[in-house]
C-alpha cells in the first residue's frame, strides 16, 4: 500500500503485534500487548482499535470458527518510510541531513550502530 496511513500510538502497538505474528485474534493481541507493557490495555479497547484500523483499510479479518483473525494490509516498511518522511518534513524542513545530524549529536549511539551507519554512508557514496 503506497498511501500514507494515520495511526495513533495504540493502533501502532497493535500493528507491531500483527506484523510480528502475521495473524492474530483480538484476544491474542490483547495478551501480547499486556505481556509487553507495564500498563494493561482492556480487551474492549483492542477491539475498538482493531475496528478503527479495519475502517482505515490497515487491517482486515477472516472468520475462523467463531473467532475473527486479523491480519495486516499494510507493510511495516512502508509505514516506517511514511512516518520518517512526515517527521523529516515537519521538524527538519525536509532535510535528511538535518535529521541525521540531530540524531548523531543528540542521541546515544553504540559503537556497533556507528559502524553500521558509517558502512551505509560508504555504500551510499559509491552509488552513482
Protein backbone atom coordinates (compact mmCIF):
# COMPACT_ATOMS: atom_id res chain seq x y z
CA UNK A 1 0.00 0.00 0.00
CA UNK A 2 1.63 3.23 -1.12
CA UNK A 3 -0.56 5.81 0.62
CA UNK A 4 0.15 7.47 3.93
CA UNK A 5 -1.64 5.86 6.83
CA UNK A 6 -2.56 7.66 10.03
CA UNK A 7 -2.27 5.66 13.24
CA UNK A 8 -2.35 6.60 16.87
CA UNK A 9 0.04 5.06 19.42
CA UNK A 10 -2.40 2.30 20.45
CA UNK A 11 -3.09 1.38 16.85
CA UNK A 12 0.62 1.27 16.12
CA UNK A 13 1.16 -1.08 19.09
CA UNK A 14 -1.46 -3.42 17.64
CA UNK A 15 0.22 -3.27 14.24
CA UNK A 16 3.57 -4.21 15.81
CA UNK A 17 1.92 -7.39 17.10
CA UNK A 18 0.30 -8.15 13.75
CA UNK A 19 3.49 -7.51 11.78
CA UNK A 20 5.33 -9.91 14.05
CA UNK A 21 2.67 -12.64 14.09
CA UNK A 22 1.03 -12.01 10.69
CA UNK A 23 -2.33 -13.24 12.02
CA UNK A 24 -3.91 -12.98 15.46
CA UNK A 25 -7.28 -12.79 17.19
CA UNK A 26 -8.21 -9.75 19.27
CA UNK A 27 -7.71 -11.85 22.42
CA UNK A 28 -4.20 -12.90 21.31
CA UNK A 29 -3.34 -9.27 20.54
CA UNK A 30 -4.61 -8.15 23.96
CA UNK A 31 -2.49 -10.81 25.69
CA UNK A 32 0.62 -9.88 23.68
CA UNK A 33 0.21 -6.18 24.43
CA UNK A 34 -0.33 -6.78 28.13
CA UNK A 35 2.76 -9.00 28.33
CA UNK A 36 4.88 -6.32 26.66
CA UNK A 37 3.65 -3.23 28.58
CA UNK A 38 3.51 -2.37 32.24
CA UNK A 39 0.10 -0.71 31.82
CA UNK A 40 -2.72 -3.02 30.85
CA UNK A 41 -4.94 -2.40 27.87
CA UNK A 42 -8.54 -3.58 28.04
CA UNK A 43 -9.71 -6.18 25.55
CA UNK A 44 -12.62 -3.89 24.58
CA UNK A 45 -10.09 -1.15 23.75
CA UNK A 46 -8.17 -3.53 21.49
CA UNK A 47 -11.41 -4.46 19.74
CA UNK A 48 -12.25 -0.78 19.21
CA UNK A 49 -8.78 -0.03 17.86
CA UNK A 50 -9.00 -3.03 15.51
CA UNK A 51 -12.34 -1.77 14.15
CA UNK A 52 -10.73 1.63 13.56
CA UNK A 53 -7.75 0.06 11.79
CA UNK A 54 -10.10 -2.01 9.67
CA UNK A 55 -12.17 1.03 8.69
CA UNK A 56 -8.95 2.75 7.57
CA UNK A 57 -8.02 -0.24 5.40
CA UNK A 58 -4.95 -1.03 7.50
CA UNK A 59 -6.07 -4.46 8.73
CA UNK A 60 -8.68 -6.98 7.72
CA UNK A 61 -10.03 -10.15 9.24
CA UNK A 62 -11.23 -13.61 8.38
CA UNK A 63 -13.64 -15.61 10.46
CA UNK A 64 -12.19 -18.89 11.72
CA UNK A 65 -14.86 -20.88 13.50
CA UNK A 66 -16.42 -18.16 15.68
CA UNK A 67 -13.28 -16.04 16.03
CA UNK A 68 -12.16 -13.09 13.94
CA UNK A 69 -8.50 -13.46 12.98
CA UNK A 70 -6.89 -10.17 11.98
CA UNK A 71 -4.01 -9.61 9.57
CA UNK A 72 -2.17 -6.51 8.29
CA UNK A 73 -2.92 -4.98 4.91
CA UNK A 74 -0.03 -2.50 5.09
CA UNK A 75 3.65 -3.31 5.08
CA UNK A 76 5.72 -2.30 8.12
CA UNK A 77 8.50 -0.91 5.93
CA UNK A 78 6.08 1.40 4.10
CA UNK A 79 4.65 2.72 7.37
CA UNK A 80 8.14 3.42 8.71
CA UNK A 81 9.10 5.19 5.47
CA UNK A 82 5.94 7.30 5.59
CA UNK A 83 6.40 8.25 9.25
CA UNK A 84 10.05 9.21 8.73
CA UNK A 85 9.13 11.36 5.72
CA UNK A 86 6.46 13.17 7.75
CA UNK A 87 8.87 13.70 10.66
CA UNK A 88 11.61 14.95 8.32
CA UNK A 89 9.25 17.38 6.62
CA UNK A 90 7.58 18.62 9.81
CA UNK A 91 10.61 19.02 12.08
CA UNK A 92 13.66 19.24 9.79
CA UNK A 93 12.46 21.31 6.83
CA UNK A 94 12.57 18.20 4.64
CA UNK A 95 16.31 17.73 5.17
CA UNK A 96 17.56 14.18 5.73
CA UNK A 97 20.96 15.68 6.63
CA UNK A 98 19.42 17.77 9.42
CA UNK A 99 17.56 14.73 10.74
CA UNK A 100 20.73 12.60 10.71
CA UNK A 101 22.78 15.40 12.28
CA UNK A 102 20.23 15.74 15.07
CA UNK A 103 20.27 12.01 15.77
CA UNK A 104 24.06 11.76 15.67
CA UNK A 105 24.62 14.69 18.01
CA UNK A 106 21.77 14.23 20.48
CA UNK A 107 21.05 10.51 20.71
CA UNK A 108 23.10 7.81 22.38
CA UNK A 109 24.50 5.60 19.61
CA UNK A 110 26.56 2.48 20.28
CA UNK A 111 29.89 1.82 18.55
CA UNK A 112 28.25 -1.01 16.64
CA UNK A 113 25.50 1.29 15.39
CA UNK A 114 28.07 3.92 14.40
CA UNK A 115 29.99 1.32 12.39
CA UNK A 116 26.76 0.30 10.66
CA UNK A 117 25.96 3.96 9.85
CA UNK A 118 29.49 4.52 8.50
CA UNK A 119 29.17 1.42 6.31
CA UNK A 120 25.83 2.67 4.94
CA UNK A 121 27.37 6.08 4.18
CA UNK A 122 30.31 4.48 2.35
CA UNK A 123 27.93 2.31 0.33
CA UNK A 124 25.77 5.32 -0.50
CA UNK A 125 28.80 7.34 -1.64
CA UNK A 126 29.71 4.65 -4.17
CA UNK A 127 26.22 4.56 -5.69
CA UNK A 128 26.03 6.71 -8.82
